[in-house]
Amino acid sequence: MGSTDAGSAYGDEKPQHKVPLDDYLIGKYLVTNAQYAVYAQEMGVNWTMPTGKENHPVVMINWDDAVAFCAWISRVTGRKVMLPTEAQWEKAARGTDGRIYPWGNEAPNANLLNDNMNMKDTTAVGKYSPTGDSPYGAADMAGNVWQWTADWHSDTYYANSPASNPKGPTTGQYRVLRGGSWDFNPVSVRATFRVSGRPNLRDVYFGFRVAVSAPGS
């Protein structure tokens, strides 16, 4: 997890360190507008489906909105659905071989992901599969929309994080988002790149995917 001193890594990505994680499952795709619409209707959430974007990732979602969706679907499925931790997200994005991007070390291009204004909007989830997928088959781990994680953000957390299953600082002002988005430059879609946002912030670039503990773990 994290980056070495080589390349374009930022200080909050260091030091690079090994992180054992318990088994878990993570969404192959970002949560879509169509999926969020079911939640919004059942829970009476004031939300409108964007025309013609049923299979695009839902956006204008703050951290609290995403957590509320997870709580609802946990009740529906009887399983504990949650936002992935930052460590879970990064492993799903890059595997275990230290690659820079989900697909490997090849520089980003318009055949691999939606970033750098090449589509000027979100795209349907899975549009870049399988060429842009992570080693585990997770789509859109780079580009399309920034993805909320469960963790509070700290620039120095990696220097003192737990040896296994880290869950981020216990308190903070900002939550971590990962993955870059359709309008950000290629540096931000590296699998180790971290940004932070206030939990109450909604933006056209912010979405999420869900995680769940693996059966029997």
N, C-alpha and C. Protein backbone atom coordinates (compact mmCIF):
# COMPACT_ATOMS: atom_id res chain seq x y z
N MET A 1 0.84 -1.18 0.00
CA MET A 1 0.00 0.00 0.00
C MET A 1 0.88 1.24 0.00
N GLY A 2 0.46 2.27 -0.74
CA GLY A 2 1.23 3.49 -0.78
C GLY A 2 2.32 3.47 -1.83
N SER A 3 3.16 4.50 -1.82
CA SER A 3 4.16 4.71 -2.86
C SER A 3 5.56 4.81 -2.27
N THR A 4 6.52 4.52 -3.12
CA THR A 4 7.92 4.76 -2.77
C THR A 4 8.25 6.22 -3.08
N ASP A 5 9.49 6.59 -2.92
CA ASP A 5 9.92 7.95 -3.21
C ASP A 5 10.07 8.19 -4.71
N ALA A 6 9.98 7.13 -5.50
CA ALA A 6 10.16 7.28 -6.94
C ALA A 6 8.91 7.86 -7.59
N GLY A 7 9.09 8.42 -8.78
CA GLY A 7 7.96 8.88 -9.57
C GLY A 7 7.30 10.12 -9.02
N SER A 8 5.96 10.20 -9.24
CA SER A 8 5.23 11.43 -8.91
C SER A 8 4.44 11.31 -7.62
N ALA A 9 4.87 10.47 -6.70
CA ALA A 9 4.13 10.24 -5.47
C ALA A 9 4.15 11.47 -4.57
N TYR A 10 3.05 11.66 -3.85
CA TYR A 10 2.93 12.75 -2.89
C TYR A 10 3.25 12.24 -1.48
N GLY A 11 3.50 13.17 -0.58
CA GLY A 11 3.93 12.81 0.77
C GLY A 11 2.94 11.96 1.52
N ASP A 12 1.63 12.18 1.30
CA ASP A 12 0.65 11.41 2.07
C ASP A 12 0.46 9.99 1.56
N GLU A 13 1.20 9.62 0.49
CA GLU A 13 1.19 8.24 -0.01
C GLU A 13 2.34 7.41 0.57
N LYS A 14 3.12 7.99 1.45
CA LYS A 14 4.32 7.34 1.96
C LYS A 14 4.23 7.16 3.48
N PRO A 15 4.99 6.19 3.99
CA PRO A 15 5.83 5.23 3.28
C PRO A 15 5.02 4.08 2.69
N GLN A 16 5.58 3.46 1.67
CA GLN A 16 4.96 2.25 1.14
C GLN A 16 5.09 1.14 2.18
N HIS A 17 4.05 0.33 2.35
CA HIS A 17 4.07 -0.69 3.40
C HIS A 17 3.13 -1.83 3.02
N LYS A 18 3.42 -3.01 3.56
CA LYS A 18 2.57 -4.17 3.31
C LYS A 18 1.42 -4.19 4.31
N VAL A 19 0.23 -4.54 3.81
CA VAL A 19 -0.98 -4.51 4.64
C VAL A 19 -1.78 -5.79 4.45
N PRO A 20 -1.73 -6.72 5.38
CA PRO A 20 -2.62 -7.88 5.31
C PRO A 20 -4.06 -7.46 5.60
N LEU A 21 -5.00 -8.01 4.83
CA LEU A 21 -6.41 -7.70 5.01
C LEU A 21 -7.22 -8.98 5.13
N ASP A 22 -8.24 -8.96 5.97
CA ASP A 22 -9.18 -10.06 6.01
C ASP A 22 -9.93 -10.11 4.68
N ASP A 23 -10.46 -11.30 4.37
CA ASP A 23 -11.20 -11.45 3.11
C ASP A 23 -12.40 -10.50 3.08
N TYR A 24 -12.69 -9.99 1.91
CA TYR A 24 -13.85 -9.12 1.73
C TYR A 24 -14.27 -9.16 0.27
N LEU A 25 -15.45 -8.69 0.01
CA LEU A 25 -15.96 -8.51 -1.34
C LEU A 25 -16.14 -7.02 -1.59
N ILE A 26 -15.95 -6.60 -2.83
CA ILE A 26 -16.15 -5.20 -3.18
C ILE A 26 -16.95 -5.12 -4.47
N GLY A 27 -17.72 -4.06 -4.62
CA GLY A 27 -18.54 -3.92 -5.81
C GLY A 27 -17.71 -3.91 -7.08
N LYS A 28 -18.12 -4.75 -8.04
CA LYS A 28 -17.45 -4.73 -9.35
C LYS A 28 -17.63 -3.38 -10.01
N TYR A 29 -18.78 -2.76 -9.76
CA TYR A 29 -19.09 -1.46 -10.36
C TYR A 29 -19.41 -0.44 -9.28
N LEU A 30 -19.31 0.82 -9.66
CA LEU A 30 -19.82 1.90 -8.82
C LEU A 30 -21.33 1.77 -8.70
N VAL A 31 -21.89 2.27 -7.61
CA VAL A 31 -23.34 2.30 -7.45
C VAL A 31 -23.91 3.22 -8.52
N THR A 32 -24.92 2.72 -9.24
CA THR A 32 -25.47 3.46 -10.38
C THR A 32 -26.69 4.29 -9.99
N ASN A 33 -27.08 5.16 -10.89
CA ASN A 33 -28.30 5.94 -10.69
C ASN A 33 -29.52 5.04 -10.54
N ALA A 34 -29.59 3.98 -11.34
CA ALA A 34 -30.74 3.08 -11.26
C ALA A 34 -30.81 2.40 -9.90
N GLN A 35 -29.67 2.00 -9.35
CA GLN A 35 -29.65 1.39 -8.02
C GLN A 35 -30.02 2.39 -6.95
N TYR A 36 -29.48 3.59 -7.06
CA TYR A 36 -29.77 4.61 -6.06
C TYR A 36 -31.24 5.01 -6.12
N ALA A 37 -31.85 4.93 -7.30
CA ALA A 37 -33.25 5.30 -7.45
C ALA A 37 -34.16 4.39 -6.63
N VAL A 38 -33.82 3.11 -6.54
CA VAL A 38 -34.62 2.18 -5.73
C VAL A 38 -34.57 2.60 -4.27
N TYR A 39 -33.37 2.89 -3.80
CA TYR A 39 -33.20 3.37 -2.43
C TYR A 39 -33.96 4.67 -2.19
N ALA A 40 -33.82 5.62 -3.10
CA ALA A 40 -34.46 6.92 -2.93
C ALA A 40 -35.97 6.79 -2.87
N GLN A 41 -36.53 5.93 -3.71
CA GLN A 41 -37.98 5.75 -3.71
C GLN A 41 -38.47 5.10 -2.42
N GLU A 42 -37.77 4.06 -2.00
CA GLU A 42 -38.20 3.33 -0.80
C GLU A 42 -38.02 4.14 0.47
N MET A 43 -37.01 5.01 0.50
CA MET A 43 -36.72 5.75 1.71
C MET A 43 -37.21 7.20 1.65
N GLY A 44 -37.86 7.57 0.57
CA GLY A 44 -38.39 8.92 0.46
C GLY A 44 -37.33 9.99 0.36
N VAL A 45 -36.20 9.66 -0.26
CA VAL A 45 -35.11 10.63 -0.42
C VAL A 45 -35.43 11.55 -1.59
N ASN A 46 -35.22 12.84 -1.40
CA ASN A 46 -35.47 13.82 -2.44
C ASN A 46 -34.34 13.78 -3.46
N TRP A 47 -34.54 13.03 -4.52
CA TRP A 47 -33.50 12.79 -5.52
C TRP A 47 -34.17 12.52 -6.85
N THR A 48 -33.59 13.01 -7.94
CA THR A 48 -34.18 12.85 -9.27
C THR A 48 -33.22 12.11 -10.18
N MET A 49 -33.73 11.11 -10.89
CA MET A 49 -32.91 10.35 -11.83
C MET A 49 -32.48 11.22 -13.01
N PRO A 50 -31.18 11.31 -13.29
CA PRO A 50 -30.73 12.05 -14.48
C PRO A 50 -31.20 11.33 -15.75
N THR A 51 -31.76 12.07 -16.67
CA THR A 51 -32.31 11.48 -17.89
C THR A 51 -31.25 10.77 -18.71
N GLY A 52 -31.53 9.51 -19.06
CA GLY A 52 -30.64 8.74 -19.92
C GLY A 52 -29.36 8.26 -19.26
N LYS A 53 -29.27 8.37 -17.93
CA LYS A 53 -28.04 7.98 -17.25
C LYS A 53 -28.28 6.89 -16.21
N GLU A 54 -29.22 6.01 -16.48
CA GLU A 54 -29.55 4.97 -15.50
C GLU A 54 -28.34 4.13 -15.10
N ASN A 55 -27.46 3.86 -16.05
CA ASN A 55 -26.32 2.98 -15.77
C ASN A 55 -25.02 3.76 -15.54
N HIS A 56 -25.13 5.06 -15.37
CA HIS A 56 -23.97 5.87 -14.98
C HIS A 56 -23.85 5.84 -13.45
N PRO A 57 -22.66 6.12 -12.91
CA PRO A 57 -22.54 6.18 -11.45
C PRO A 57 -23.34 7.33 -10.87
N VAL A 58 -23.97 7.09 -9.75
CA VAL A 58 -24.68 8.17 -9.07
C VAL A 58 -23.65 9.18 -8.57
N VAL A 59 -23.97 10.47 -8.71
CA VAL A 59 -23.08 11.53 -8.25
C VAL A 59 -23.87 12.51 -7.38
N MET A 60 -23.22 13.57 -6.97
CA MET A 60 -23.81 14.52 -6.00
C MET A 60 -24.18 13.78 -4.71
N ILE A 61 -23.32 12.85 -4.33
CA ILE A 61 -23.53 12.02 -3.13
C ILE A 61 -22.45 12.38 -2.12
N ASN A 62 -22.86 12.82 -0.94
CA ASN A 62 -21.85 13.06 0.09
C ASN A 62 -21.59 11.78 0.90
N TRP A 63 -20.65 11.85 1.80
CA TRP A 63 -20.27 10.66 2.57
C TRP A 63 -21.46 10.14 3.38
N ASP A 64 -22.21 11.03 3.97
CA ASP A 64 -23.35 10.62 4.77
C ASP A 64 -24.43 9.95 3.91
N ASP A 65 -24.63 10.45 2.69
CA ASP A 65 -25.57 9.81 1.76
C ASP A 65 -25.14 8.38 1.46
N ALA A 66 -23.85 8.20 1.20
CA ALA A 66 -23.34 6.88 0.86
C ALA A 66 -23.49 5.91 2.04
N VAL A 67 -23.21 6.39 3.25
CA VAL A 67 -23.36 5.55 4.44
C VAL A 67 -24.83 5.18 4.65
N ALA A 68 -25.73 6.12 4.40
CA ALA A 68 -27.16 5.84 4.54
C ALA A 68 -27.61 4.79 3.53
N PHE A 69 -27.10 4.85 2.31
CA PHE A 69 -27.41 3.83 1.31
C PHE A 69 -26.92 2.46 1.79
N CYS A 70 -25.71 2.42 2.33
CA CYS A 70 -25.16 1.15 2.84
C CYS A 70 -26.01 0.59 3.97
N ALA A 71 -26.48 1.45 4.86
CA ALA A 71 -27.33 1.00 5.96
C ALA A 71 -28.64 0.42 5.44
N TRP A 72 -29.21 1.07 4.43
CA TRP A 72 -30.46 0.58 3.84
C TRP A 72 -30.26 -0.78 3.18
N ILE A 73 -29.23 -0.92 2.36
CA ILE A 73 -29.04 -2.18 1.66
C ILE A 73 -28.59 -3.29 2.61
N SER A 74 -27.99 -2.92 3.72
CA SER A 74 -27.69 -3.92 4.75
C SER A 74 -28.99 -4.51 5.30
N ARG A 75 -29.97 -3.65 5.54
CA ARG A 75 -31.27 -4.13 6.03
C ARG A 75 -31.96 -5.00 4.98
N VAL A 76 -31.86 -4.61 3.73
CA VAL A 76 -32.52 -5.35 2.65
C VAL A 76 -31.91 -6.73 2.46
N THR A 77 -30.59 -6.81 2.52
CA THR A 77 -29.90 -8.06 2.22
C THR A 77 -29.59 -8.92 3.44
N GLY A 78 -29.63 -8.30 4.63
CA GLY A 78 -29.26 -9.04 5.82
C GLY A 78 -27.77 -9.22 5.99
N ARG A 79 -26.97 -8.50 5.19
CA ARG A 79 -25.52 -8.56 5.30
C ARG A 79 -25.00 -7.16 5.62
N LYS A 80 -23.83 -7.10 6.22
CA LYS A 80 -23.27 -5.80 6.59
C LYS A 80 -22.57 -5.19 5.39
N VAL A 81 -23.26 -4.29 4.72
CA VAL A 81 -22.71 -3.58 3.56
C VAL A 81 -22.16 -2.25 4.04
N MET A 82 -21.01 -1.85 3.52
CA MET A 82 -20.35 -0.65 4.03
C MET A 82 -19.51 -0.02 2.93
N LEU A 83 -19.03 1.17 3.17
CA LEU A 83 -18.01 1.73 2.30
C LEU A 83 -16.70 0.98 2.53
N PRO A 84 -15.92 0.74 1.49
CA PRO A 84 -14.63 0.08 1.70
C PRO A 84 -13.69 0.97 2.49
N THR A 85 -12.85 0.37 3.30
CA THR A 85 -11.78 1.14 3.91
C THR A 85 -10.81 1.57 2.80
N GLU A 86 -9.97 2.51 3.12
CA GLU A 86 -8.98 2.96 2.14
C GLU A 86 -8.07 1.81 1.71
N ALA A 87 -7.69 0.96 2.66
CA ALA A 87 -6.83 -0.18 2.33
C ALA A 87 -7.56 -1.18 1.45
N GLN A 88 -8.83 -1.45 1.76
CA GLN A 88 -9.60 -2.37 0.91
C GLN A 88 -9.74 -1.81 -0.50
N TRP A 89 -10.00 -0.52 -0.58
CA TRP A 89 -10.13 0.10 -1.90
C TRP A 89 -8.83 -0.05 -2.69
N GLU A 90 -7.71 0.27 -2.06
CA GLU A 90 -6.45 0.24 -2.80
C GLU A 90 -6.06 -1.16 -3.24
N LYS A 91 -6.29 -2.15 -2.40
CA LYS A 91 -5.98 -3.52 -2.84
C LYS A 91 -6.85 -3.92 -4.02
N ALA A 92 -8.13 -3.59 -3.95
CA ALA A 92 -9.03 -3.91 -5.06
C ALA A 92 -8.61 -3.21 -6.34
N ALA A 93 -8.00 -2.03 -6.20
CA ALA A 93 -7.58 -1.25 -7.36
C ALA A 93 -6.29 -1.74 -7.99
N ARG A 94 -5.35 -2.27 -7.18
CA ARG A 94 -4.02 -2.53 -7.74
C ARG A 94 -3.49 -3.93 -7.48
N GLY A 95 -4.20 -4.75 -6.73
CA GLY A 95 -3.69 -6.09 -6.45
C GLY A 95 -2.53 -6.07 -5.49
N THR A 96 -1.61 -6.98 -5.67
CA THR A 96 -0.50 -7.14 -4.72
C THR A 96 0.88 -6.92 -5.35
N ASP A 97 0.92 -6.51 -6.61
CA ASP A 97 2.22 -6.42 -7.28
C ASP A 97 2.77 -5.00 -7.37
N GLY A 98 2.13 -4.05 -6.68
CA GLY A 98 2.65 -2.70 -6.65
C GLY A 98 2.44 -1.89 -7.92
N ARG A 99 1.52 -2.31 -8.77
CA ARG A 99 1.27 -1.60 -10.02
C ARG A 99 0.80 -0.17 -9.76
N ILE A 100 0.98 0.68 -10.75
CA ILE A 100 0.64 2.09 -10.60
C ILE A 100 -0.85 2.33 -10.82
N TYR A 101 -1.41 1.64 -11.80
CA TYR A 101 -2.81 1.81 -12.18
C TYR A 101 -3.54 0.46 -12.09
N PRO A 102 -4.84 0.45 -12.11
CA PRO A 102 -5.54 -0.84 -12.04
C PRO A 102 -5.13 -1.82 -13.13
N TRP A 103 -4.90 -1.34 -14.33
CA TRP A 103 -4.57 -2.21 -15.46
C TRP A 103 -3.09 -2.55 -15.54
N GLY A 104 -2.24 -1.88 -14.76
CA GLY A 104 -0.81 -2.14 -14.81
C GLY A 104 -0.04 -0.84 -14.71
N ASN A 105 1.07 -0.74 -15.44
CA ASN A 105 1.91 0.45 -15.39
C ASN A 105 1.86 1.29 -16.67
N GLU A 106 1.06 0.87 -17.63
CA GLU A 106 0.88 1.65 -18.86
C GLU A 106 0.20 2.97 -18.55
N ALA A 107 0.68 4.04 -19.17
CA ALA A 107 0.10 5.37 -18.93
C ALA A 107 -1.38 5.39 -19.31
N PRO A 108 -2.18 6.19 -18.63
CA PRO A 108 -3.60 6.27 -18.95
C PRO A 108 -3.84 6.72 -20.39
N ASN A 109 -4.88 6.16 -21.00
CA ASN A 109 -5.31 6.62 -22.32
C ASN A 109 -6.81 6.42 -22.44
N ALA A 110 -7.39 6.95 -23.49
CA ALA A 110 -8.85 6.99 -23.64
C ALA A 110 -9.48 5.62 -23.84
N ASN A 111 -8.67 4.59 -24.02
CA ASN A 111 -9.22 3.23 -24.13
C ASN A 111 -9.28 2.52 -22.78
N LEU A 112 -8.71 3.14 -21.75
CA LEU A 112 -8.60 2.48 -20.45
C LEU A 112 -9.51 3.08 -19.39
N LEU A 113 -9.84 4.36 -19.52
CA LEU A 113 -10.59 5.03 -18.46
C LEU A 113 -11.16 6.34 -18.95
N ASN A 114 -12.05 6.89 -18.15
CA ASN A 114 -12.66 8.19 -18.41
C ASN A 114 -12.04 9.22 -17.47
N ASP A 115 -11.06 9.97 -17.97
CA ASP A 115 -10.42 11.00 -17.15
C ASP A 115 -9.98 12.15 -18.06
N ASN A 116 -9.47 13.20 -17.43
CA ASN A 116 -8.82 14.28 -18.16
C ASN A 116 -9.74 14.93 -19.20
N MET A 117 -11.04 14.96 -18.90
CA MET A 117 -12.05 15.59 -19.77
C MET A 117 -12.18 14.90 -21.13
N ASN A 118 -11.76 13.63 -21.26
CA ASN A 118 -11.84 13.02 -22.58
C ASN A 118 -13.27 12.68 -22.99
N MET A 119 -14.19 12.56 -22.01
CA MET A 119 -15.60 12.34 -22.33
C MET A 119 -16.48 13.50 -21.85
N LYS A 120 -15.91 14.38 -21.05
CA LYS A 120 -16.61 15.60 -20.57
C LYS A 120 -17.84 15.32 -19.71
N ASP A 121 -17.93 14.10 -19.18
CA ASP A 121 -19.04 13.73 -18.29
C ASP A 121 -18.79 12.31 -17.80
N THR A 122 -19.63 11.85 -16.91
CA THR A 122 -19.54 10.45 -16.50
C THR A 122 -19.88 9.54 -17.68
N THR A 123 -19.43 8.31 -17.58
CA THR A 123 -19.78 7.28 -18.56
C THR A 123 -20.42 6.11 -17.84
N ALA A 124 -21.13 5.27 -18.57
CA ALA A 124 -21.76 4.10 -17.99
C ALA A 124 -20.72 3.22 -17.30
N VAL A 125 -21.08 2.63 -16.17
CA VAL A 125 -20.14 1.77 -15.47
C VAL A 125 -19.75 0.59 -16.37
N GLY A 126 -18.50 0.20 -16.31
CA GLY A 126 -18.03 -0.92 -17.10
C GLY A 126 -17.72 -0.62 -18.54
N LYS A 127 -17.83 0.63 -18.95
CA LYS A 127 -17.55 0.99 -20.35
C LYS A 127 -16.14 0.59 -20.76
N TYR A 128 -15.20 0.63 -19.82
CA TYR A 128 -13.80 0.37 -20.15
C TYR A 128 -13.36 -1.04 -19.75
N SER A 129 -14.32 -1.90 -19.46
CA SER A 129 -14.01 -3.29 -19.13
C SER A 129 -13.86 -4.11 -20.42
N PRO A 130 -12.98 -5.12 -20.40
CA PRO A 130 -12.12 -5.48 -19.27
C PRO A 130 -10.75 -4.81 -19.30
N THR A 131 -10.46 -4.01 -20.34
CA THR A 131 -9.09 -3.50 -20.50
C THR A 131 -8.66 -2.59 -19.37
N GLY A 132 -9.61 -1.83 -18.79
CA GLY A 132 -9.25 -0.92 -17.71
C GLY A 132 -9.47 -1.46 -16.33
N ASP A 133 -9.88 -2.73 -16.22
CA ASP A 133 -10.22 -3.31 -14.92
C ASP A 133 -8.99 -3.59 -14.07
N SER A 134 -9.22 -3.72 -12.77
CA SER A 134 -8.16 -4.09 -11.83
C SER A 134 -7.88 -5.59 -11.92
N PRO A 135 -6.83 -6.08 -11.22
CA PRO A 135 -6.54 -7.52 -11.26
C PRO A 135 -7.69 -8.39 -10.78
N TYR A 136 -8.60 -7.83 -9.98
CA TYR A 136 -9.72 -8.60 -9.45
C TYR A 136 -10.99 -8.40 -10.28
N GLY A 137 -10.90 -7.68 -11.39
CA GLY A 137 -12.06 -7.48 -12.23
C GLY A 137 -12.94 -6.33 -11.82
N ALA A 138 -12.46 -5.45 -10.94
CA ALA A 138 -13.25 -4.28 -10.54
C ALA A 138 -13.11 -3.19 -11.60
N ALA A 139 -14.24 -2.65 -12.02
CA ALA A 139 -14.26 -1.65 -13.10
C ALA A 139 -14.25 -0.23 -12.53
N ASP A 140 -13.75 0.69 -13.32
CA ASP A 140 -13.77 2.12 -12.96
C ASP A 140 -13.10 2.41 -11.63
N MET A 141 -12.05 1.67 -11.31
CA MET A 141 -11.26 2.01 -10.12
C MET A 141 -10.39 3.23 -10.39
N ALA A 142 -10.25 3.59 -11.65
CA ALA A 142 -9.56 4.82 -12.04
C ALA A 142 -10.49 5.60 -12.95
N GLY A 143 -10.67 6.88 -12.66
CA GLY A 143 -11.49 7.72 -13.50
C GLY A 143 -12.99 7.59 -13.23
N ASN A 144 -13.77 8.25 -14.04
CA ASN A 144 -15.23 8.34 -13.97
C ASN A 144 -15.68 9.21 -12.80
N VAL A 145 -15.65 8.70 -11.57
CA VAL A 145 -15.97 9.56 -10.42
C VAL A 145 -15.06 9.22 -9.24
N TRP A 146 -14.78 10.22 -8.41
CA TRP A 146 -14.11 9.99 -7.14
C TRP A 146 -14.99 9.11 -6.27
N GLN A 147 -14.37 8.25 -5.47
CA GLN A 147 -15.11 7.28 -4.67
C GLN A 147 -14.84 7.47 -3.18
N TRP A 148 -15.92 7.67 -2.44
CA TRP A 148 -15.80 7.78 -0.98
C TRP A 148 -15.30 6.47 -0.39
N THR A 149 -14.43 6.58 0.60
CA THR A 149 -14.05 5.43 1.42
C THR A 149 -14.51 5.68 2.85
N ALA A 150 -14.36 4.68 3.70
CA ALA A 150 -14.83 4.80 5.08
C ALA A 150 -13.93 5.68 5.94
N ASP A 151 -12.68 5.89 5.54
CA ASP A 151 -11.66 6.44 6.43
C ASP A 151 -11.67 7.96 6.56
N TRP A 152 -11.34 8.42 7.77
CA TRP A 152 -10.91 9.80 7.93
C TRP A 152 -9.55 9.97 7.27
N HIS A 153 -9.26 11.17 6.83
CA HIS A 153 -7.99 11.43 6.16
C HIS A 153 -6.96 12.00 7.13
N SER A 154 -5.72 11.56 6.96
CA SER A 154 -4.57 12.15 7.64
C SER A 154 -3.37 12.03 6.72
N ASP A 155 -2.63 13.13 6.57
CA ASP A 155 -1.44 13.11 5.72
C ASP A 155 -0.37 12.17 6.25
N THR A 156 -0.37 11.92 7.54
CA THR A 156 0.72 11.15 8.17
C THR A 156 0.28 9.77 8.65
N TYR A 157 -0.91 9.34 8.30
CA TYR A 157 -1.45 8.10 8.85
C TYR A 157 -0.60 6.88 8.51
N TYR A 158 -0.05 6.82 7.31
CA TYR A 158 0.69 5.63 6.89
C TYR A 158 1.91 5.35 7.78
N ALA A 159 2.48 6.38 8.36
CA ALA A 159 3.68 6.21 9.18
C ALA A 159 3.38 5.46 10.47
N ASN A 160 2.12 5.48 10.91
CA ASN A 160 1.78 4.85 12.20
C ASN A 160 0.54 3.97 12.12
N SER A 161 0.13 3.56 10.93
CA SER A 161 -1.11 2.79 10.79
C SER A 161 -0.93 1.37 11.31
N PRO A 162 -2.02 0.71 11.72
CA PRO A 162 -1.92 -0.67 12.21
C PRO A 162 -1.32 -1.60 11.17
N ALA A 163 -0.72 -2.68 11.65
CA ALA A 163 -0.03 -3.61 10.75
C ALA A 163 -0.98 -4.35 9.83
N SER A 164 -2.23 -4.52 10.25
CA SER A 164 -3.20 -5.22 9.40
C SER A 164 -4.58 -4.58 9.57
N ASN A 165 -5.41 -4.69 8.54
CA ASN A 165 -6.78 -4.18 8.53
C ASN A 165 -6.90 -2.74 9.03
N PRO A 166 -6.10 -1.82 8.52
CA PRO A 166 -6.21 -0.43 8.98
C PRO A 166 -7.56 0.17 8.59
N LYS A 167 -8.08 1.01 9.48
CA LYS A 167 -9.39 1.63 9.26
C LYS A 167 -9.32 3.14 9.31
N GLY A 168 -8.12 3.68 9.24
CA GLY A 168 -7.96 5.12 9.23
C GLY A 168 -7.97 5.71 10.63
N PRO A 169 -7.68 7.00 10.74
CA PRO A 169 -7.70 7.67 12.05
C PRO A 169 -9.09 7.57 12.69
N THR A 170 -9.13 7.69 14.00
CA THR A 170 -10.41 7.58 14.71
C THR A 170 -11.25 8.84 14.59
N THR A 171 -10.62 9.97 14.30
CA THR A 171 -11.34 11.23 14.12
C THR A 171 -10.72 12.03 12.98
N GLY A 172 -11.42 13.06 12.57
CA GLY A 172 -10.89 13.93 11.54
C GLY A 172 -11.93 14.91 11.05
N GLN A 173 -11.56 15.71 10.10
CA GLN A 173 -12.48 16.67 9.47
C GLN A 173 -12.88 16.25 8.07
N TYR A 174 -12.04 15.43 7.42
CA TYR A 174 -12.24 15.09 6.03
C TYR A 174 -12.20 13.57 5.85
N ARG A 175 -12.97 13.09 4.90
CA ARG A 175 -12.96 11.68 4.54
C ARG A 175 -12.15 11.48 3.25
N VAL A 176 -11.59 10.30 3.09
CA VAL A 176 -10.75 10.00 1.93
C VAL A 176 -11.61 9.62 0.73
N LEU A 177 -11.24 10.17 -0.43
CA LEU A 177 -11.79 9.74 -1.71
C LEU A 177 -10.65 9.21 -2.57
N ARG A 178 -10.98 8.24 -3.42
CA ARG A 178 -9.97 7.61 -4.25
C ARG A 178 -10.44 7.51 -5.70
N GLY A 179 -9.47 7.37 -6.61
CA GLY A 179 -9.76 6.94 -7.97
C GLY A 179 -9.75 7.98 -9.06
N GLY A 180 -9.79 9.27 -8.72
CA GLY A 180 -9.85 10.28 -9.77
C GLY A 180 -11.24 10.37 -10.38
N SER A 181 -11.40 11.21 -11.38
CA SER A 181 -12.72 11.36 -12.02
C SER A 181 -12.55 11.82 -13.46
N TRP A 182 -13.68 12.02 -14.12
CA TRP A 182 -13.66 12.30 -15.55
C TRP A 182 -13.00 13.63 -15.91
N ASP A 183 -12.90 14.56 -14.97
CA ASP A 183 -12.34 15.86 -15.32
C ASP A 183 -10.98 16.12 -14.69
N PHE A 184 -10.40 15.11 -14.02
CA PHE A 184 -9.12 15.33 -13.36
C PHE A 184 -7.97 14.78 -14.19
N ASN A 185 -6.76 15.27 -13.93
CA ASN A 185 -5.62 14.89 -14.76
C ASN A 185 -5.12 13.49 -14.43
N PRO A 186 -4.27 12.91 -15.29
CA PRO A 186 -3.85 11.52 -15.12
C PRO A 186 -3.11 11.22 -13.82
N VAL A 187 -2.47 12.21 -13.20
CA VAL A 187 -1.78 11.96 -11.93
C VAL A 187 -2.76 11.44 -10.88
N SER A 188 -3.97 11.94 -10.90
CA SER A 188 -4.94 11.62 -9.85
C SER A 188 -5.54 10.23 -9.98
N VAL A 189 -5.33 9.55 -11.10
CA VAL A 189 -5.92 8.21 -11.26
C VAL A 189 -4.95 7.10 -10.87
N ARG A 190 -3.77 7.47 -10.38
CA ARG A 190 -2.88 6.44 -9.83
C ARG A 190 -3.58 5.75 -8.65
N ALA A 191 -3.35 4.47 -8.48
CA ALA A 191 -4.06 3.71 -7.45
C ALA A 191 -3.69 4.13 -6.04
N THR A 192 -2.60 4.84 -5.87
CA THR A 192 -2.17 5.28 -4.53
C THR A 192 -2.57 6.71 -4.21
N PHE A 193 -3.14 7.42 -5.17
CA PHE A 193 -3.42 8.85 -5.00
C PHE A 193 -4.59 9.05 -4.05
N ARG A 194 -4.44 10.01 -3.13
CA ARG A 194 -5.43 10.25 -2.09
C ARG A 194 -5.88 11.71 -2.12
N VAL A 195 -7.18 11.91 -1.98
CA VAL A 195 -7.69 13.25 -1.75
C VAL A 195 -8.68 13.18 -0.59
N SER A 196 -9.10 14.32 -0.11
CA SER A 196 -10.03 14.35 1.03
C SER A 196 -11.14 15.34 0.76
N GLY A 197 -12.28 15.08 1.39
CA GLY A 197 -13.42 15.98 1.26
C GLY A 197 -14.23 16.00 2.54
N ARG A 198 -14.88 17.11 2.81
CA ARG A 198 -15.77 17.17 3.97
C ARG A 198 -16.92 16.19 3.78
N PRO A 199 -17.30 15.48 4.84
CA PRO A 199 -18.33 14.45 4.70
C PRO A 199 -19.66 14.97 4.17
N ASN A 200 -19.92 16.26 4.35
CA ASN A 200 -21.20 16.82 3.89
C ASN A 200 -21.13 17.41 2.48
N LEU A 201 -20.01 17.22 1.81
CA LEU A 201 -19.80 17.83 0.49
C LEU A 201 -20.39 16.95 -0.61
N ARG A 202 -21.28 17.53 -1.41
CA ARG A 202 -21.80 16.87 -2.60
C ARG A 202 -21.17 17.52 -3.83
N ASP A 203 -20.85 16.69 -4.82
CA ASP A 203 -20.19 17.22 -6.00
C ASP A 203 -20.54 16.34 -7.20
N VAL A 204 -20.50 16.93 -8.39
CA VAL A 204 -20.78 16.17 -9.61
C VAL A 204 -19.69 15.14 -9.91
N TYR A 205 -18.60 15.18 -9.16
CA TYR A 205 -17.50 14.24 -9.37
C TYR A 205 -17.46 13.14 -8.31
N PHE A 206 -18.36 13.13 -7.34
CA PHE A 206 -18.27 12.22 -6.20
C PHE A 206 -19.33 11.13 -6.28
N GLY A 207 -18.89 9.87 -6.18
CA GLY A 207 -19.77 8.72 -6.11
C GLY A 207 -19.21 7.70 -5.13
N PHE A 208 -19.60 6.43 -5.28
CA PHE A 208 -19.10 5.42 -4.35
C PHE A 208 -19.39 4.02 -4.87
N ARG A 209 -18.69 3.05 -4.28
CA ARG A 209 -19.01 1.63 -4.44
C ARG A 209 -19.06 1.03 -3.05
N VAL A 210 -19.58 -0.18 -2.93
CA VAL A 210 -19.76 -0.78 -1.60
C VAL A 210 -18.85 -1.98 -1.42
N ALA A 211 -18.70 -2.37 -0.17
CA ALA A 211 -17.93 -3.56 0.21
C ALA A 211 -18.73 -4.35 1.23
N VAL A 212 -18.36 -5.61 1.40
CA VAL A 212 -19.01 -6.48 2.38
C VAL A 212 -18.01 -7.55 2.80
N SER A 213 -18.07 -7.97 4.04
CA SER A 213 -17.20 -9.05 4.50
C SER A 213 -17.50 -10.31 3.71
N ALA A 214 -16.47 -11.07 3.38
CA ALA A 214 -16.67 -12.30 2.62
C ALA A 214 -17.39 -13.34 3.48
N PRO A 215 -18.22 -14.19 2.88
CA PRO A 215 -18.91 -15.23 3.66
C PRO A 215 -17.92 -16.07 4.45
N GLY A 216 -18.20 -16.25 5.72
CA GLY A 216 -17.35 -17.08 6.59
C GLY A 216 -16.17 -16.38 7.18
N SER A 217 -15.96 -15.08 6.81
CA SER A 217 -14.79 -14.37 7.36
C SER A 217 -15.18 -13.62 8.62
